[in-house]
Amino acid sequence: MTMTMTKKNPHVGESLAEYVRRRKAADPEYAGLHDERFDKLQLARKIRVLREAQNLSQDDLARATGTTQSAIARLESGRFA
């Protein structure tokens, strides 16, 4: 039994960076959302790096800032609003 593909996948052979670049150029709304999400992830990573550089646990940082450990975990994951 053989399967035949009737539709080519346009993304095969294209790197993720190329896809994102092409998609951002074609869709300004996607570009804005992508950049916003990327900025959030960069901020999240920076917070974690700085916290770890100070040898603080998430709980230590939470207590120092008057929040909860789970809020710090959400922040560091990039899942904040």
N, C-alpha and C. Protein backbone atom coordinates (compact mmCIF):
# COMPACT_ATOMS: atom_id res chain seq x y z
N MET A 1 0.84 -1.17 0.00
CA MET A 1 0.00 0.00 0.00
C MET A 1 0.89 1.24 0.00
N THR A 2 0.66 2.16 -0.89
CA THR A 2 1.45 3.38 -0.96
C THR A 2 0.56 4.58 -0.71
N MET A 3 1.15 5.56 -0.04
CA MET A 3 0.43 6.80 0.22
C MET A 3 1.00 7.87 -0.68
N THR A 4 0.14 8.65 -1.24
CA THR A 4 0.61 9.76 -2.05
C THR A 4 0.24 11.06 -1.37
N MET A 5 1.18 11.97 -1.36
CA MET A 5 0.94 13.27 -0.78
C MET A 5 0.43 14.19 -1.89
N THR A 6 -0.67 14.83 -1.62
CA THR A 6 -1.22 15.72 -2.63
C THR A 6 -0.85 17.17 -2.37
N LYS A 7 -0.41 17.46 -1.15
CA LYS A 7 -0.11 18.84 -0.80
C LYS A 7 1.29 18.90 -0.19
N LYS A 8 2.14 19.78 -0.71
CA LYS A 8 3.48 19.93 -0.18
C LYS A 8 3.46 20.80 1.07
N ASN A 9 4.32 20.47 2.00
CA ASN A 9 4.48 21.29 3.19
C ASN A 9 5.41 22.44 2.83
N PRO A 10 4.94 23.69 2.89
CA PRO A 10 5.78 24.82 2.48
C PRO A 10 6.91 25.12 3.46
N HIS A 11 6.92 24.50 4.64
CA HIS A 11 7.92 24.82 5.65
C HIS A 11 9.10 23.86 5.66
N VAL A 12 9.01 22.77 4.91
CA VAL A 12 10.10 21.81 4.88
C VAL A 12 11.30 22.48 4.21
N GLY A 13 12.45 22.33 4.84
CA GLY A 13 13.67 22.92 4.30
C GLY A 13 13.88 24.36 4.74
N GLU A 14 12.99 24.87 5.55
CA GLU A 14 13.07 26.25 6.01
C GLU A 14 13.38 26.24 7.50
N SER A 15 14.34 27.03 7.92
CA SER A 15 14.65 27.09 9.35
C SER A 15 13.56 27.86 10.07
N LEU A 16 13.52 27.70 11.38
CA LEU A 16 12.55 28.42 12.18
C LEU A 16 12.75 29.93 12.03
N ALA A 17 14.00 30.36 12.05
CA ALA A 17 14.29 31.80 11.91
C ALA A 17 13.81 32.33 10.56
N GLU A 18 13.99 31.55 9.50
CA GLU A 18 13.51 31.96 8.18
C GLU A 18 11.99 32.04 8.15
N TYR A 19 11.34 31.05 8.76
CA TYR A 19 9.88 31.05 8.82
C TYR A 19 9.37 32.28 9.55
N VAL A 20 9.95 32.55 10.72
CA VAL A 20 9.51 33.70 11.51
C VAL A 20 9.74 34.99 10.74
N ARG A 21 10.89 35.12 10.13
CA ARG A 21 11.20 36.33 9.33
C ARG A 21 10.18 36.51 8.21
N ARG A 22 9.88 35.43 7.49
CA ARG A 22 8.92 35.50 6.39
C ARG A 22 7.51 35.82 6.90
N ARG A 23 7.13 35.17 7.99
CA ARG A 23 5.79 35.39 8.55
C ARG A 23 5.63 36.81 9.08
N LYS A 24 6.67 37.34 9.75
CA LYS A 24 6.61 38.71 10.27
C LYS A 24 6.50 39.71 9.12
N ALA A 25 7.19 39.46 8.04
CA ALA A 25 7.15 40.37 6.88
C ALA A 25 5.76 40.36 6.24
N ALA A 26 5.09 39.22 6.27
CA ALA A 26 3.79 39.09 5.61
C ALA A 26 2.62 39.51 6.50
N ASP A 27 2.82 39.53 7.81
CA ASP A 27 1.70 39.76 8.72
C ASP A 27 2.11 40.67 9.88
N PRO A 28 1.81 41.96 9.78
CA PRO A 28 2.21 42.90 10.83
C PRO A 28 1.64 42.55 12.22
N GLU A 29 0.45 42.00 12.27
CA GLU A 29 -0.13 41.62 13.56
C GLU A 29 0.70 40.51 14.20
N TYR A 30 1.07 39.51 13.41
CA TYR A 30 1.92 38.43 13.91
C TYR A 30 3.26 39.00 14.37
N ALA A 31 3.81 39.92 13.61
CA ALA A 31 5.10 40.52 13.95
C ALA A 31 5.02 41.18 15.33
N GLY A 32 3.96 41.93 15.57
CA GLY A 32 3.81 42.60 16.85
C GLY A 32 3.66 41.62 18.00
N LEU A 33 2.84 40.60 17.80
CA LEU A 33 2.64 39.59 18.84
C LEU A 33 3.92 38.80 19.11
N HIS A 34 4.64 38.47 18.04
CA HIS A 34 5.89 37.73 18.18
C HIS A 34 6.90 38.56 18.97
N ASP A 35 7.05 39.82 18.61
CA ASP A 35 8.02 40.67 19.29
C ASP A 35 7.65 40.88 20.75
N GLU A 36 6.36 41.03 21.04
CA GLU A 36 5.91 41.21 22.42
C GLU A 36 6.24 39.96 23.24
N ARG A 37 5.96 38.80 22.70
CA ARG A 37 6.23 37.54 23.41
C ARG A 37 7.73 37.35 23.61
N PHE A 38 8.50 37.68 22.57
CA PHE A 38 9.96 37.54 22.66
C PHE A 38 10.51 38.45 23.75
N ASP A 39 10.00 39.67 23.82
CA ASP A 39 10.43 40.61 24.86
C ASP A 39 10.12 40.07 26.26
N LYS A 40 8.94 39.48 26.43
CA LYS A 40 8.56 38.90 27.72
C LYS A 40 9.51 37.77 28.11
N LEU A 41 9.86 36.94 27.14
CA LEU A 41 10.75 35.82 27.44
C LEU A 41 12.15 36.31 27.78
N GLN A 42 12.60 37.37 27.11
CA GLN A 42 13.91 37.94 27.44
C GLN A 42 13.91 38.50 28.86
N LEU A 43 12.85 39.20 29.23
CA LEU A 43 12.73 39.74 30.59
C LEU A 43 12.71 38.61 31.61
N ALA A 44 11.95 37.57 31.33
CA ALA A 44 11.85 36.43 32.24
C ALA A 44 13.23 35.80 32.46
N ARG A 45 13.96 35.62 31.39
CA ARG A 45 15.30 35.03 31.50
C ARG A 45 16.23 35.93 32.30
N LYS A 46 16.16 37.22 32.06
CA LYS A 46 17.02 38.17 32.77
C LYS A 46 16.74 38.14 34.28
N ILE A 47 15.47 38.08 34.66
CA ILE A 47 15.11 38.01 36.08
C ILE A 47 15.71 36.75 36.71
N ARG A 48 15.58 35.64 36.02
CA ARG A 48 16.13 34.38 36.57
C ARG A 48 17.64 34.45 36.70
N VAL A 49 18.31 34.95 35.67
CA VAL A 49 19.78 35.04 35.69
C VAL A 49 20.24 35.93 36.85
N LEU A 50 19.58 37.08 37.02
CA LEU A 50 19.95 37.98 38.11
C LEU A 50 19.68 37.36 39.48
N ARG A 51 18.53 36.67 39.61
CA ARG A 51 18.21 36.01 40.88
C ARG A 51 19.26 34.96 41.21
N GLU A 52 19.60 34.14 40.23
CA GLU A 52 20.58 33.08 40.45
C GLU A 52 21.97 33.65 40.72
N ALA A 53 22.31 34.76 40.11
CA ALA A 53 23.61 35.40 40.35
C ALA A 53 23.75 35.86 41.80
N GLN A 54 22.61 36.18 42.42
CA GLN A 54 22.60 36.59 43.82
C GLN A 54 22.40 35.41 44.77
N ASN A 55 22.40 34.20 44.21
CA ASN A 55 22.19 32.97 44.98
C ASN A 55 20.89 33.01 45.77
N LEU A 56 19.85 33.53 45.16
CA LEU A 56 18.53 33.58 45.78
C LEU A 56 17.65 32.48 45.20
N SER A 57 16.85 31.88 46.04
CA SER A 57 15.83 30.95 45.55
C SER A 57 14.63 31.78 45.11
N GLN A 58 13.71 31.14 44.43
CA GLN A 58 12.48 31.84 44.06
C GLN A 58 11.74 32.28 45.33
N ASP A 59 11.78 31.45 46.35
CA ASP A 59 11.11 31.79 47.61
C ASP A 59 11.77 33.00 48.28
N ASP A 60 13.12 33.05 48.25
CA ASP A 60 13.84 34.20 48.81
C ASP A 60 13.42 35.49 48.10
N LEU A 61 13.40 35.45 46.77
CA LEU A 61 13.03 36.63 46.00
C LEU A 61 11.58 37.02 46.26
N ALA A 62 10.73 36.03 46.38
CA ALA A 62 9.31 36.30 46.65
C ALA A 62 9.14 37.02 47.99
N ARG A 63 9.81 36.51 49.01
CA ARG A 63 9.70 37.15 50.33
C ARG A 63 10.26 38.57 50.30
N ALA A 64 11.36 38.79 49.58
CA ALA A 64 11.99 40.11 49.50
C ALA A 64 11.12 41.11 48.75
N THR A 65 10.28 40.62 47.85
CA THR A 65 9.45 41.52 47.03
C THR A 65 7.99 41.52 47.43
N GLY A 66 7.65 40.75 48.47
CA GLY A 66 6.28 40.75 48.95
C GLY A 66 5.30 40.01 48.07
N THR A 67 5.77 38.94 47.44
CA THR A 67 4.87 38.13 46.61
C THR A 67 5.07 36.66 46.97
N THR A 68 4.60 35.78 46.12
CA THR A 68 4.70 34.34 46.39
C THR A 68 5.72 33.68 45.46
N GLN A 69 6.18 32.51 45.88
CA GLN A 69 7.12 31.76 45.04
C GLN A 69 6.48 31.41 43.71
N SER A 70 5.19 31.06 43.73
CA SER A 70 4.53 30.69 42.47
C SER A 70 4.45 31.88 41.52
N ALA A 71 4.32 33.08 42.06
CA ALA A 71 4.30 34.28 41.20
C ALA A 71 5.67 34.48 40.55
N ILE A 72 6.74 34.24 41.30
CA ILE A 72 8.09 34.35 40.73
C ILE A 72 8.29 33.28 39.66
N ALA A 73 7.82 32.07 39.91
CA ALA A 73 7.94 30.99 38.92
C ALA A 73 7.21 31.36 37.63
N ARG A 74 5.99 31.92 37.76
CA ARG A 74 5.24 32.36 36.58
C ARG A 74 5.99 33.45 35.85
N LEU A 75 6.52 34.40 36.58
CA LEU A 75 7.26 35.51 35.99
C LEU A 75 8.47 34.98 35.21
N GLU A 76 9.21 34.08 35.82
CA GLU A 76 10.42 33.55 35.18
C GLU A 76 10.09 32.65 33.99
N SER A 77 8.89 32.13 33.93
CA SER A 77 8.51 31.27 32.80
C SER A 77 8.03 32.09 31.61
N GLY A 78 7.75 33.38 31.84
CA GLY A 78 7.25 34.22 30.77
C GLY A 78 5.73 34.16 30.65
N ARG A 79 5.06 33.53 31.60
CA ARG A 79 3.60 33.39 31.56
C ARG A 79 2.88 34.49 32.33
N PHE A 80 3.43 35.67 32.31
CA PHE A 80 2.78 36.78 33.00
C PHE A 80 2.06 37.65 31.99
N ALA A 81 1.07 38.37 32.46
CA ALA A 81 0.24 39.20 31.56
C ALA A 81 0.94 40.47 31.18
